[in-house]
């Protein structure tokens, strides 16, 4: 646990540099994170972002990594759903899709 905390502290201390190296402007990052600009810069100066704020920033500056993590989570959930019998057959899905097309 200590190693994870130290890693987190290192990332927090390097967040300004990470944002500067990202292809996104800080104004875009601020907008996407939903933080007031003054609060963002105050937290940046004092390195006082919460873990949730750091996660929001990371999702913006590393969208590929975020997408891959979400995809992996969805795949794992799919495996669980399949194991629990929470799925429909291909034929049933085709019927549902055709039903939607006819209703439009």
PDB file of N, CA and C in Angstrom:
ATOM      1  N   UNK A   1       0.824  -1.190   0.000  1.00  0.00           N
ATOM      2  CA  UNK A   1       0.000   0.000   0.000  1.00  0.00           C
ATOM      3  C   UNK A   1       0.871   1.258   0.000  1.00  0.00           C
ATOM      4  N   UNK A   2       1.961   1.224   0.702  1.00  0.00           N
ATOM      5  CA  UNK A   2       2.842   2.393   0.769  1.00  0.00           C
ATOM      6  C   UNK A   2       3.394   2.717  -0.618  1.00  0.00           C
ATOM      7  N   UNK A   3       3.740   1.686  -1.370  1.00  0.00           N
ATOM      8  CA  UNK A   3       4.270   1.907  -2.719  1.00  0.00           C
ATOM      9  C   UNK A   3       3.246   2.616  -3.599  1.00  0.00           C
ATOM     10  N   UNK A   4       1.973   2.226  -3.490  1.00  0.00           N
ATOM     11  CA  UNK A   4       0.923   2.859  -4.286  1.00  0.00           C
ATOM     12  C   UNK A   4       0.738   4.324  -3.902  1.00  0.00           C
ATOM     13  N   UNK A   5       0.819   4.601  -2.611  1.00  0.00           N
ATOM     14  CA  UNK A   5       0.681   5.982  -2.141  1.00  0.00           C
ATOM     15  C   UNK A   5       1.845   6.831  -2.639  1.00  0.00           C
ATOM     16  N   UNK A   6       3.042   6.292  -2.578  1.00  0.00           N
ATOM     17  CA  UNK A   6       4.211   7.027  -3.079  1.00  0.00           C
ATOM     18  C   UNK A   6       4.111   7.269  -4.583  1.00  0.00           C
ATOM     19  N   UNK A   7       3.629   6.282  -5.313  1.00  0.00           N
ATOM     20  CA  UNK A   7       3.426   6.447  -6.750  1.00  0.00           C
ATOM     21  C   UNK A   7       2.396   7.538  -7.018  1.00  0.00           C
ATOM     22  N   UNK A   8       1.315   7.527  -6.260  1.00  0.00           N
ATOM     23  CA  UNK A   8       0.276   8.556  -6.405  1.00  0.00           C
ATOM     24  C   UNK A   8       0.846   9.947  -6.131  1.00  0.00           C
ATOM     25  N   UNK A   9       1.619  10.071  -5.056  1.00  0.00           N
ATOM     26  CA  UNK A   9       2.216  11.373  -4.726  1.00  0.00           C
ATOM     27  C   UNK A   9       3.138  11.846  -5.847  1.00  0.00           C
ATOM     28  N   UNK A  10       3.873  10.928  -6.458  1.00  0.00           N
ATOM     29  CA  UNK A  10       4.763  11.281  -7.563  1.00  0.00           C
ATOM     30  C   UNK A  10       3.957  11.787  -8.756  1.00  0.00           C
ATOM     31  N   UNK A  11       2.866  11.109  -9.058  1.00  0.00           N
ATOM     32  CA  UNK A  11       2.017  11.534 -10.174  1.00  0.00           C
ATOM     33  C   UNK A  11       1.420  12.911  -9.900  1.00  0.00           C
ATOM     34  N   UNK A  12       0.952  13.129  -8.684  1.00  0.00           N
ATOM     35  CA  UNK A  12       0.401  14.443  -8.327  1.00  0.00           C
ATOM     36  C   UNK A  12       1.460  15.524  -8.504  1.00  0.00           C
ATOM     37  N   UNK A  13       2.676  15.237  -8.069  1.00  0.00           N
ATOM     38  CA  UNK A  13       3.732  16.242  -8.177  1.00  0.00           C
ATOM     39  C   UNK A  13       4.133  16.511  -9.627  1.00  0.00           C
ATOM     40  N   UNK A  14       3.842  15.562 -10.526  1.00  0.00           N
ATOM     41  CA  UNK A  14       4.205  15.716 -11.933  1.00  0.00           C
ATOM     42  C   UNK A  14       3.015  16.068 -12.825  1.00  0.00           C
ATOM     43  N   UNK A  15       1.849  16.305 -12.235  1.00  0.00           N
ATOM     44  CA  UNK A  15       0.638  16.501 -13.036  1.00  0.00           C
ATOM     45  C   UNK A  15       0.736  17.717 -13.954  1.00  0.00           C
ATOM     46  N   UNK A  16       1.357  18.786 -13.513  1.00  0.00           N
ATOM     47  CA  UNK A  16       1.489  19.967 -14.357  1.00  0.00           C
ATOM     48  C   UNK A  16       2.309  19.638 -15.605  1.00  0.00           C
ATOM     49  N   UNK A  17       3.413  18.947 -15.418  1.00  0.00           N
ATOM     50  CA  UNK A  17       4.260  18.561 -16.547  1.00  0.00           C
ATOM     51  C   UNK A  17       3.520  17.592 -17.474  1.00  0.00           C
ATOM     52  N   UNK A  18       2.772  16.655 -16.908  1.00  0.00           N
ATOM     53  CA  UNK A  18       1.998  15.717 -17.713  1.00  0.00           C
ATOM     54  C   UNK A  18       0.950  16.438 -18.558  1.00  0.00           C
ATOM     55  N   UNK A  19       0.310  17.431 -17.973  1.00  0.00           N
ATOM     56  CA  UNK A  19      -0.672  18.204 -18.735  1.00  0.00           C
ATOM     57  C   UNK A  19       0.005  19.029 -19.825  1.00  0.00           C
ATOM     58  N   UNK A  20       1.165  19.586 -19.510  1.00  0.00           N
ATOM     59  CA  UNK A  20       1.891  20.373 -20.513  1.00  0.00           C
ATOM     60  C   UNK A  20       2.343  19.516 -21.690  1.00  0.00           C
ATOM     61  N   UNK A  21       2.662  18.255 -21.438  1.00  0.00           N
ATOM     62  CA  UNK A  21       3.098  17.346 -22.500  1.00  0.00           C
ATOM     63  C   UNK A  21       1.927  16.750 -23.278  1.00  0.00           C
ATOM     64  N   UNK A  22       0.725  16.858 -22.743  1.00  0.00           N
ATOM     65  CA  UNK A  22      -0.438  16.303 -23.432  1.00  0.00           C
ATOM     66  C   UNK A  22      -0.801  17.204 -24.614  1.00  0.00           C
ATOM     67  N   UNK A  23      -1.548  16.690 -25.563  1.00  0.00           N
ATOM     68  CA  UNK A  23      -1.937  17.514 -26.717  1.00  0.00           C
ATOM     69  C   UNK A  23      -3.070  18.490 -26.407  1.00  0.00           C
ATOM     70  N   UNK A  24      -3.525  18.521 -25.170  1.00  0.00           N
ATOM     71  CA  UNK A  24      -4.669  19.352 -24.809  1.00  0.00           C
ATOM     72  C   UNK A  24      -4.248  20.589 -24.039  1.00  0.00           C
ATOM     73  N   UNK A  25      -4.934  21.680 -24.308  1.00  0.00           N
ATOM     74  CA  UNK A  25      -4.683  22.909 -23.563  1.00  0.00           C
ATOM     75  C   UNK A  25      -5.319  22.785 -22.182  1.00  0.00           C
ATOM     76  N   UNK A  26      -4.758  23.515 -21.249  1.00  0.00           N
ATOM     77  CA  UNK A  26      -5.294  23.454 -19.880  1.00  0.00           C
ATOM     78  C   UNK A  26      -6.735  23.931 -19.835  1.00  0.00           C
ATOM     79  N   UNK A  27      -7.089  24.897 -20.664  1.00  0.00           N
ATOM     80  CA  UNK A  27      -8.475  25.381 -20.673  1.00  0.00           C
ATOM     81  C   UNK A  27      -9.438  24.242 -21.029  1.00  0.00           C
ATOM     82  N   UNK A  28      -9.037  23.381 -21.958  1.00  0.00           N
ATOM     83  CA  UNK A  28      -9.866  22.230 -22.335  1.00  0.00           C
ATOM     84  C   UNK A  28      -9.949  21.232 -21.182  1.00  0.00           C
ATOM     85  N   UNK A  29      -8.826  20.974 -20.541  1.00  0.00           N
ATOM     86  CA  UNK A  29      -8.790  20.038 -19.413  1.00  0.00           C
ATOM     87  C   UNK A  29      -9.681  20.550 -18.283  1.00  0.00           C
ATOM     88  N   UNK A  30      -9.569  21.833 -18.006  1.00  0.00           N
ATOM     89  CA  UNK A  30     -10.393  22.440 -16.946  1.00  0.00           C
ATOM     90  C   UNK A  30     -11.872  22.285 -17.278  1.00  0.00           C
ATOM     91  N   UNK A  31     -12.217  22.574 -18.518  1.00  0.00           N
ATOM     92  CA  UNK A  31     -13.615  22.479 -18.957  1.00  0.00           C
ATOM     93  C   UNK A  31     -14.129  21.048 -18.828  1.00  0.00           C
ATOM     94  N   UNK A  32     -13.342  20.091 -19.279  1.00  0.00           N
ATOM     95  CA  UNK A  32     -13.756  18.689 -19.243  1.00  0.00           C
ATOM     96  C   UNK A  32     -13.867  18.143 -17.825  1.00  0.00           C
ATOM     97  N   UNK A  33     -13.048  18.656 -16.931  1.00  0.00           N
ATOM     98  CA  UNK A  33     -13.072  18.193 -15.539  1.00  0.00           C
ATOM     99  C   UNK A  33     -14.175  18.871 -14.725  1.00  0.00           C
ATOM    100  N   UNK A  34     -14.668  19.986 -15.229  1.00  0.00           N
ATOM    101  CA  UNK A  34     -15.759  20.674 -14.534  1.00  0.00           C
ATOM    102  C   UNK A  34     -15.329  21.445 -13.304  1.00  0.00           C
ATOM    103  N   UNK A  35     -14.072  21.793 -13.232  1.00  0.00           N
ATOM    104  CA  UNK A  35     -13.582  22.576 -12.096  1.00  0.00           C
ATOM    105  C   UNK A  35     -13.591  24.059 -12.442  1.00  0.00           C
ATOM    106  N   UNK A  36     -13.904  24.918 -11.480  1.00  0.00           N
ATOM    107  CA  UNK A  36     -13.729  26.347 -11.730  1.00  0.00           C
ATOM    108  C   UNK A  36     -12.245  26.636 -11.999  1.00  0.00           C
ATOM    109  N   UNK A  37     -11.979  27.529 -12.926  1.00  0.00           N
ATOM    110  CA  UNK A  37     -10.597  27.802 -13.330  1.00  0.00           C
ATOM    111  C   UNK A  37      -9.726  28.223 -12.150  1.00  0.00           C
ATOM    112  N   UNK A  38     -10.252  29.102 -11.294  1.00  0.00           N
ATOM    113  CA  UNK A  38      -9.460  29.562 -10.144  1.00  0.00           C
ATOM    114  C   UNK A  38      -9.122  28.398  -9.212  1.00  0.00           C
ATOM    115  N   UNK A  39     -10.096  27.531  -8.977  1.00  0.00           N
ATOM    116  CA  UNK A  39      -9.854  26.366  -8.115  1.00  0.00           C
ATOM    117  C   UNK A  39      -8.827  25.437  -8.731  1.00  0.00           C
ATOM    118  N   UNK A  40      -8.928  25.235 -10.048  1.00  0.00           N
ATOM    119  CA  UNK A  40      -7.984  24.361 -10.740  1.00  0.00           C
ATOM    120  C   UNK A  40      -6.558  24.863 -10.549  1.00  0.00           C
ATOM    121  N   UNK A  41      -6.334  26.143 -10.817  1.00  0.00           N
ATOM    122  CA  UNK A  41      -4.967  26.674 -10.712  1.00  0.00           C
ATOM    123  C   UNK A  41      -4.472  26.723  -9.267  1.00  0.00           C
ATOM    124  N   UNK A  42      -5.381  26.958  -8.316  1.00  0.00           N
ATOM    125  CA  UNK A  42      -4.987  26.929  -6.905  1.00  0.00           C
ATOM    126  C   UNK A  42      -4.560  25.511  -6.515  1.00  0.00           C
ATOM    127  N   UNK A  43      -5.362  24.529  -6.935  1.00  0.00           N
ATOM    128  CA  UNK A  43      -5.027  23.142  -6.618  1.00  0.00           C
ATOM    129  C   UNK A  43      -3.760  22.702  -7.336  1.00  0.00           C
ATOM    130  N   UNK A  44      -3.553  23.206  -8.538  1.00  0.00           N
ATOM    131  CA  UNK A  44      -2.343  22.878  -9.283  1.00  0.00           C
ATOM    132  C   UNK A  44      -1.108  23.432  -8.572  1.00  0.00           C
ATOM    133  N   UNK A  45      -1.231  24.649  -8.066  1.00  0.00           N
ATOM    134  CA  UNK A  45      -0.113  25.291  -7.374  1.00  0.00           C
ATOM    135  C   UNK A  45       0.214  24.577  -6.061  1.00  0.00           C
ATOM    136  N   UNK A  46      -0.830  24.162  -5.344  1.00  0.00           N
ATOM    137  CA  UNK A  46      -0.628  23.538  -4.027  1.00  0.00           C
ATOM    138  C   UNK A  46      -0.625  22.013  -4.077  1.00  0.00           C
ATOM    139  N   UNK A  47      -0.807  21.460  -5.279  1.00  0.00           N
ATOM    140  CA  UNK A  47      -0.880  20.009  -5.467  1.00  0.00           C
ATOM    141  C   UNK A  47      -1.948  19.397  -4.558  1.00  0.00           C
ATOM    142  N   UNK A  48      -3.116  20.017  -4.572  1.00  0.00           N
ATOM    143  CA  UNK A  48      -4.179  19.615  -3.659  1.00  0.00           C
ATOM    144  C   UNK A  48      -5.383  19.005  -4.379  1.00  0.00           C
ATOM    145  N   UNK A  49      -5.164  18.402  -5.550  1.00  0.00           N
ATOM    146  CA  UNK A  49      -6.266  17.744  -6.237  1.00  0.00           C
ATOM    147  C   UNK A  49      -6.714  16.523  -5.452  1.00  0.00           C
ATOM    148  N   UNK A  50      -8.018  16.285  -5.431  1.00  0.00           N
ATOM    149  CA  UNK A  50      -8.518  15.053  -4.820  1.00  0.00           C
ATOM    150  C   UNK A  50      -8.219  13.894  -5.771  1.00  0.00           C
ATOM    151  N   UNK A  51      -8.356  12.684  -5.274  1.00  0.00           N
ATOM    152  CA  UNK A  51      -8.137  11.508  -6.120  1.00  0.00           C
ATOM    153  C   UNK A  51      -9.120  11.499  -7.288  1.00  0.00           C
ATOM    154  N   UNK A  52     -10.366  11.887  -7.042  1.00  0.00           N
ATOM    155  CA  UNK A  52     -11.359  11.929  -8.122  1.00  0.00           C
ATOM    156  C   UNK A  52     -11.007  12.991  -9.163  1.00  0.00           C
ATOM    157  N   UNK A  53     -10.495  14.126  -8.729  1.00  0.00           N
ATOM    158  CA  UNK A  53     -10.077  15.166  -9.672  1.00  0.00           C
ATOM    159  C   UNK A  53      -8.884  14.698 -10.498  1.00  0.00           C
ATOM    160  N   UNK A  54      -7.955  14.009  -9.855  1.00  0.00           N
ATOM    161  CA  UNK A  54      -6.806  13.465 -10.582  1.00  0.00           C
ATOM    162  C   UNK A  54      -7.273  12.442 -11.627  1.00  0.00           C
ATOM    163  N   UNK A  55      -8.249  11.638 -11.262  1.00  0.00           N
ATOM    164  CA  UNK A  55      -8.791  10.666 -12.200  1.00  0.00           C
ATOM    165  C   UNK A  55      -9.448  11.366 -13.378  1.00  0.00           C
ATOM    166  N   UNK A  56     -10.188  12.431 -13.118  1.00  0.00           N
ATOM    167  CA  UNK A  56     -10.819  13.202 -14.196  1.00  0.00           C
ATOM    168  C   UNK A  56      -9.773  13.778 -15.138  1.00  0.00           C
ATOM    169  N   UNK A  57      -8.719  14.309 -14.582  1.00  0.00           N
ATOM    170  CA  UNK A  57      -7.635  14.876 -15.402  1.00  0.00           C
ATOM    171  C   UNK A  57      -6.979  13.768 -16.224  1.00  0.00           C
ATOM    172  N   UNK A  58      -6.712  12.650 -15.594  1.00  0.00           N
ATOM    173  CA  UNK A  58      -6.059  11.532 -16.286  1.00  0.00           C
ATOM    174  C   UNK A  58      -6.911  11.024 -17.440  1.00  0.00           C
ATOM    175  N   UNK A  59      -8.218  10.978 -17.252  1.00  0.00           N
ATOM    176  CA  UNK A  59      -9.112  10.529 -18.323  1.00  0.00           C
ATOM    177  C   UNK A  59      -9.051  11.468 -19.520  1.00  0.00           C
ATOM    178  N   UNK A  60      -8.859  12.755 -19.259  1.00  0.00           N
ATOM    179  CA  UNK A  60      -8.786  13.733 -20.347  1.00  0.00           C
ATOM    180  C   UNK A  60      -7.440  13.656 -21.059  1.00  0.00           C
ATOM    181  N   UNK A  61      -6.360  13.596 -20.314  1.00  0.00           N
ATOM    182  CA  UNK A  61      -5.037  13.652 -20.954  1.00  0.00           C
ATOM    183  C   UNK A  61      -4.560  12.293 -21.469  1.00  0.00           C
ATOM    184  N   UNK A  62      -5.237  11.214 -21.060  1.00  0.00           N
ATOM    185  CA  UNK A  62      -4.889   9.866 -21.539  1.00  0.00           C
ATOM    186  C   UNK A  62      -6.149   9.142 -22.011  1.00  0.00           C
ATOM    187  N   UNK A  63      -6.804   9.647 -23.049  1.00  0.00           N
ATOM    188  CA  UNK A  63      -8.078   9.043 -23.459  1.00  0.00           C
ATOM    189  C   UNK A  63      -7.947   7.603 -23.941  1.00  0.00           C
ATOM    190  N   UNK A  64      -6.817   7.251 -24.572  1.00  0.00           N
ATOM    191  CA  UNK A  64      -6.644   5.880 -25.048  1.00  0.00           C
ATOM    192  C   UNK A  64      -6.582   4.903 -23.878  1.00  0.00           C
ATOM    193  N   UNK A  65      -5.831   5.270 -22.860  1.00  0.00           N
ATOM    194  CA  UNK A  65      -5.725   4.415 -21.674  1.00  0.00           C
ATOM    195  C   UNK A  65      -7.089   4.281 -20.999  1.00  0.00           C
ATOM    196  N   UNK A  66      -7.813   5.385 -20.917  1.00  0.00           N
ATOM    197  CA  UNK A  66      -9.146   5.368 -20.313  1.00  0.00           C
ATOM    198  C   UNK A  66     -10.079   4.457 -21.102  1.00  0.00           C
ATOM    199  N   UNK A  67     -10.058   4.573 -22.437  1.00  0.00           N
ATOM    200  CA  UNK A  67     -10.898   3.736 -23.275  1.00  0.00           C
ATOM    201  C   UNK A  67     -10.566   2.261 -23.081  1.00  0.00           C
ATOM    202  N   UNK A  68      -9.277   1.937 -23.054  1.00  0.00           N
ATOM    203  CA  UNK A  68      -8.872   0.538 -22.889  1.00  0.00           C
ATOM    204  C   UNK A  68      -9.319  -0.015 -21.536  1.00  0.00           C
ATOM    205  N   UNK A  69      -9.231   0.793 -20.494  1.00  0.00           N
ATOM    206  CA  UNK A  69      -9.667   0.335 -19.172  1.00  0.00           C
ATOM    207  C   UNK A  69     -11.176   0.082 -19.161  1.00  0.00           C
ATOM    208  N   UNK A  70     -11.937   0.982 -19.786  1.00  0.00           N
ATOM    209  CA  UNK A  70     -13.387   0.798 -19.860  1.00  0.00           C
ATOM    210  C   UNK A  70     -13.729  -0.438 -20.683  1.00  0.00           C
ATOM    211  N   UNK A  71     -13.022  -0.635 -21.785  1.00  0.00           N
ATOM    212  CA  UNK A  71     -13.258  -1.798 -22.633  1.00  0.00           C
ATOM    213  C   UNK A  71     -12.967  -3.092 -21.877  1.00  0.00           C
ATOM    214  N   UNK A  72     -11.858  -3.116 -21.149  1.00  0.00           N
ATOM    215  CA  UNK A  72     -11.520  -4.305 -20.369  1.00  0.00           C
ATOM    216  C   UNK A  72     -12.571  -4.580 -19.299  1.00  0.00           C
ATOM    217  N   UNK A  73     -13.063  -3.529 -18.654  1.00  0.00           N
ATOM    218  CA  UNK A  73     -14.106  -3.699 -17.642  1.00  0.00           C
ATOM    219  C   UNK A  73     -15.390  -4.226 -18.279  1.00  0.00           C
ATOM    220  N   UNK A  74     -15.733  -3.717 -19.458  1.00  0.00           N
ATOM    221  CA  UNK A  74     -16.930  -4.186 -20.158  1.00  0.00           C
ATOM    222  C   UNK A  74     -16.792  -5.651 -20.563  1.00  0.00           C
ATOM    223  N   UNK A  75     -15.615  -6.043 -21.000  1.00  0.00           N
ATOM    224  CA  UNK A  75     -15.373  -7.443 -21.377  1.00  0.00           C
ATOM    225  C   UNK A  75     -15.517  -8.345 -20.157  1.00  0.00           C
ATOM    226  N   UNK A  76     -14.934  -7.934 -19.053  1.00  0.00           N
ATOM    227  CA  UNK A  76     -15.048  -8.731 -17.822  1.00  0.00           C
ATOM    228  C   UNK A  76     -16.505  -8.842 -17.378  1.00  0.00           C
ATOM    229  N   UNK A  77     -17.260  -7.734 -17.479  1.00  0.00           N
ATOM    230  CA  UNK A  77     -18.675  -7.771 -17.120  1.00  0.00           C
ATOM    231  C   UNK A  77     -19.434  -8.694 -18.066  1.00  0.00           C
ATOM    232  N   UNK A  78     -19.078  -8.675 -19.343  1.00  0.00           N
ATOM    233  CA  UNK A  78     -19.697  -9.575 -20.316  1.00  0.00           C
ATOM    234  C   UNK A  78     -19.455 -11.035 -19.975  1.00  0.00           C
ATOM    235  N   UNK A  79     -18.244 -11.340 -19.542  1.00  0.00           N
ATOM    236  CA  UNK A  79     -17.924 -12.718 -19.142  1.00  0.00           C
ATOM    237  C   UNK A  79     -18.778 -13.147 -17.957  1.00  0.00           C
ATOM    238  N   UNK A  80     -18.935 -12.243 -17.008  1.00  0.00           N
ATOM    239  CA  UNK A  80     -19.767 -12.539 -15.828  1.00  0.00           C
ATOM    240  C   UNK A  80     -21.212 -12.738 -16.244  1.00  0.00           C
ATOM    241  N   UNK A  81     -21.718 -11.834 -17.103  1.00  0.00           N
ATOM    242  CA  UNK A  81     -23.098 -11.947 -17.581  1.00  0.00           C
ATOM    243  C   UNK A  81     -23.317 -13.269 -18.315  1.00  0.00           C
ATOM    244  N   UNK A  82     -22.358 -13.644 -19.158  1.00  0.00           N
ATOM    245  CA  UNK A  82     -22.475 -14.901 -19.904  1.00  0.00           C
ATOM    246  C   UNK A  82     -22.511 -16.088 -18.946  1.00  0.00           C
ATOM    247  N   UNK A  83     -21.617 -16.056 -17.972  1.00  0.00           N
ATOM    248  CA  UNK A  83     -21.559 -17.149 -16.983  1.00  0.00           C
ATOM    249  C   UNK A  83     -22.872 -17.258 -16.213  1.00  0.00           C
ATOM    250  N   UNK A  84     -23.482 -16.093 -15.923  1.00  0.00           N
ATOM    251  CA  UNK A  84     -24.735 -16.070 -15.167  1.00  0.00           C
ATOM    252  C   UNK A  84     -25.971 -16.275 -16.051  1.00  0.00           C
ATOM    253  N   UNK A  85     -25.753 -16.493 -17.343  1.00  0.00           N
ATOM    254  CA  UNK A  85     -26.877 -16.733 -18.248  1.00  0.00           C
ATOM    255  C   UNK A  85     -27.613 -15.472 -18.666  1.00  0.00           C
ATOM    256  N   UNK A  86     -27.001 -14.330 -18.503  1.00  0.00           N
ATOM    257  CA  UNK A  86     -27.631 -13.056 -18.859  1.00  0.00           C
ATOM    258  C   UNK A  86     -27.229 -12.673 -20.282  1.00  0.00           C
ATOM    259  N   UNK A  87     -27.767 -13.380 -21.235  1.00  0.00           N
ATOM    260  CA  UNK A  87     -27.481 -13.091 -22.630  1.00  0.00           C
ATOM    261  C   UNK A  87     -28.658 -13.555 -23.478  1.00  0.00           C
ATOM    262  N   UNK A  88     -28.667 -13.118 -24.755  1.00  0.00           N
ATOM    263  CA  UNK A  88     -29.697 -13.570 -25.685  1.00  0.00           C
ATOM    264  C   UNK A  88     -28.989 -14.160 -26.903  1.00  0.00           C
ATOM    265  N   UNK A  89     -29.714 -14.990 -27.620  1.00  0.00           N
ATOM    266  CA  UNK A  89     -29.128 -15.630 -28.798  1.00  0.00           C
ATOM    267  C   UNK A  89     -28.992 -14.627 -29.942  1.00  0.00           C
ATOM    268  N   UNK A  90     -28.178 -14.996 -30.896  1.00  0.00           N
ATOM    269  CA  UNK A  90     -27.994 -14.167 -32.092  1.00  0.00           C
ATOM    270  C   UNK A  90     -29.332 -13.977 -32.803  1.00  0.00           C
ATOM    271  N   UNK A  91     -30.091 -15.038 -32.911  1.00  0.00           N
ATOM    272  CA  UNK A  91     -31.381 -14.972 -33.594  1.00  0.00           C
ATOM    273  C   UNK A  91     -32.322 -13.982 -32.904  1.00  0.00           C
ATOM    274  N   UNK A  92     -32.343 -14.007 -31.588  1.00  0.00           N
ATOM    275  CA  UNK A  92     -33.200 -13.084 -30.831  1.00  0.00           C
ATOM    276  C   UNK A  92     -32.754 -11.640 -31.044  1.00  0.00           C
ATOM    277  N   UNK A  93     -31.460 -11.426 -31.084  1.00  0.00           N
ATOM    278  CA  UNK A  93     -30.952 -10.072 -31.300  1.00  0.00           C
ATOM    279  C   UNK A  93     -31.325  -9.568 -32.693  1.00  0.00           C
ATOM    280  N   UNK A  94     -31.231 -10.421 -33.697  1.00  0.00           N
ATOM    281  CA  UNK A  94     -31.615 -10.040 -35.059  1.00  0.00           C
ATOM    282  C   UNK A  94     -33.093  -9.654 -35.085  1.00  0.00           C
ATOM    283  N   UNK A  95     -33.945 -10.422 -34.406  1.00  0.00           N
ATOM    284  CA  UNK A  95     -35.372 -10.096 -34.336  1.00  0.00           C
ATOM    285  C   UNK A  95     -35.594  -8.724 -33.699  1.00  0.00           C
ATOM    286  N   UNK A  96     -34.883  -8.449 -32.626  1.00  0.00           N
ATOM    287  CA  UNK A  96     -35.035  -7.146 -31.951  1.00  0.00           C
ATOM    288  C   UNK A  96     -34.596  -6.006 -32.850  1.00  0.00           C
ATOM    289  N   UNK A  97     -33.487  -6.193 -33.552  1.00  0.00           N
ATOM    290  CA  UNK A  97     -32.996  -5.136 -34.442  1.00  0.00           C
ATOM    291  C   UNK A  97     -33.981  -4.914 -35.580  1.00  0.00           C
ATOM    292  N   UNK A  98     -34.462  -5.985 -36.174  1.00  0.00           N
ATOM    293  CA  UNK A  98     -35.432  -5.848 -37.268  1.00  0.00           C
ATOM    294  C   UNK A  98     -36.707  -5.177 -36.773  1.00  0.00           C
ATOM    295  N   UNK A  99     -37.098  -5.472 -35.543  1.00  0.00           N
ATOM    296  CA  UNK A  99     -38.288  -4.838 -34.967  1.00  0.00           C
ATOM    297  C   UNK A  99     -38.117  -3.341 -34.814  1.00  0.00           C
ATOM    298  N   UNK A 100     -36.930  -2.907 -34.463  1.00  0.00           N
ATOM    299  CA  UNK A 100     -36.648  -1.470 -34.324  1.00  0.00           C
ATOM    300  C   UNK A 100     -36.686  -0.779 -35.680  1.00  0.00           C
ATOM    301  N   UNK A 101     -36.129  -1.431 -36.673  1.00  0.00           N
ATOM    302  CA  UNK A 101     -36.073  -0.839 -38.017  1.00  0.00           C
ATOM    303  C   UNK A 101     -37.487  -0.674 -38.557  1.00  0.00           C
ATOM    304  N   UNK A 102     -38.352  -1.657 -38.352  1.00  0.00           N
ATOM    305  CA  UNK A 102     -39.732  -1.576 -38.835  1.00  0.00           C
ATOM    306  C   UNK A 102     -40.522  -0.494 -38.119  1.00  0.00           C
ATOM    307  N   UNK A 103     -40.216  -0.253 -36.828  1.00  0.00           N
ATOM    308  CA  UNK A 103     -40.952   0.728 -36.044  1.00  0.00           C
ATOM    309  C   UNK A 103     -40.577   2.164 -36.381  1.00  0.00           C
ATOM    310  N   UNK A 104     -39.485   2.361 -37.076  1.00  0.00           N
ATOM    311  CA  UNK A 104     -39.032   3.725 -37.374  1.00  0.00           C
ATOM    312  C   UNK A 104     -39.739   4.305 -38.531  1.00  0.00           C
TER     313      UNK A 104
END
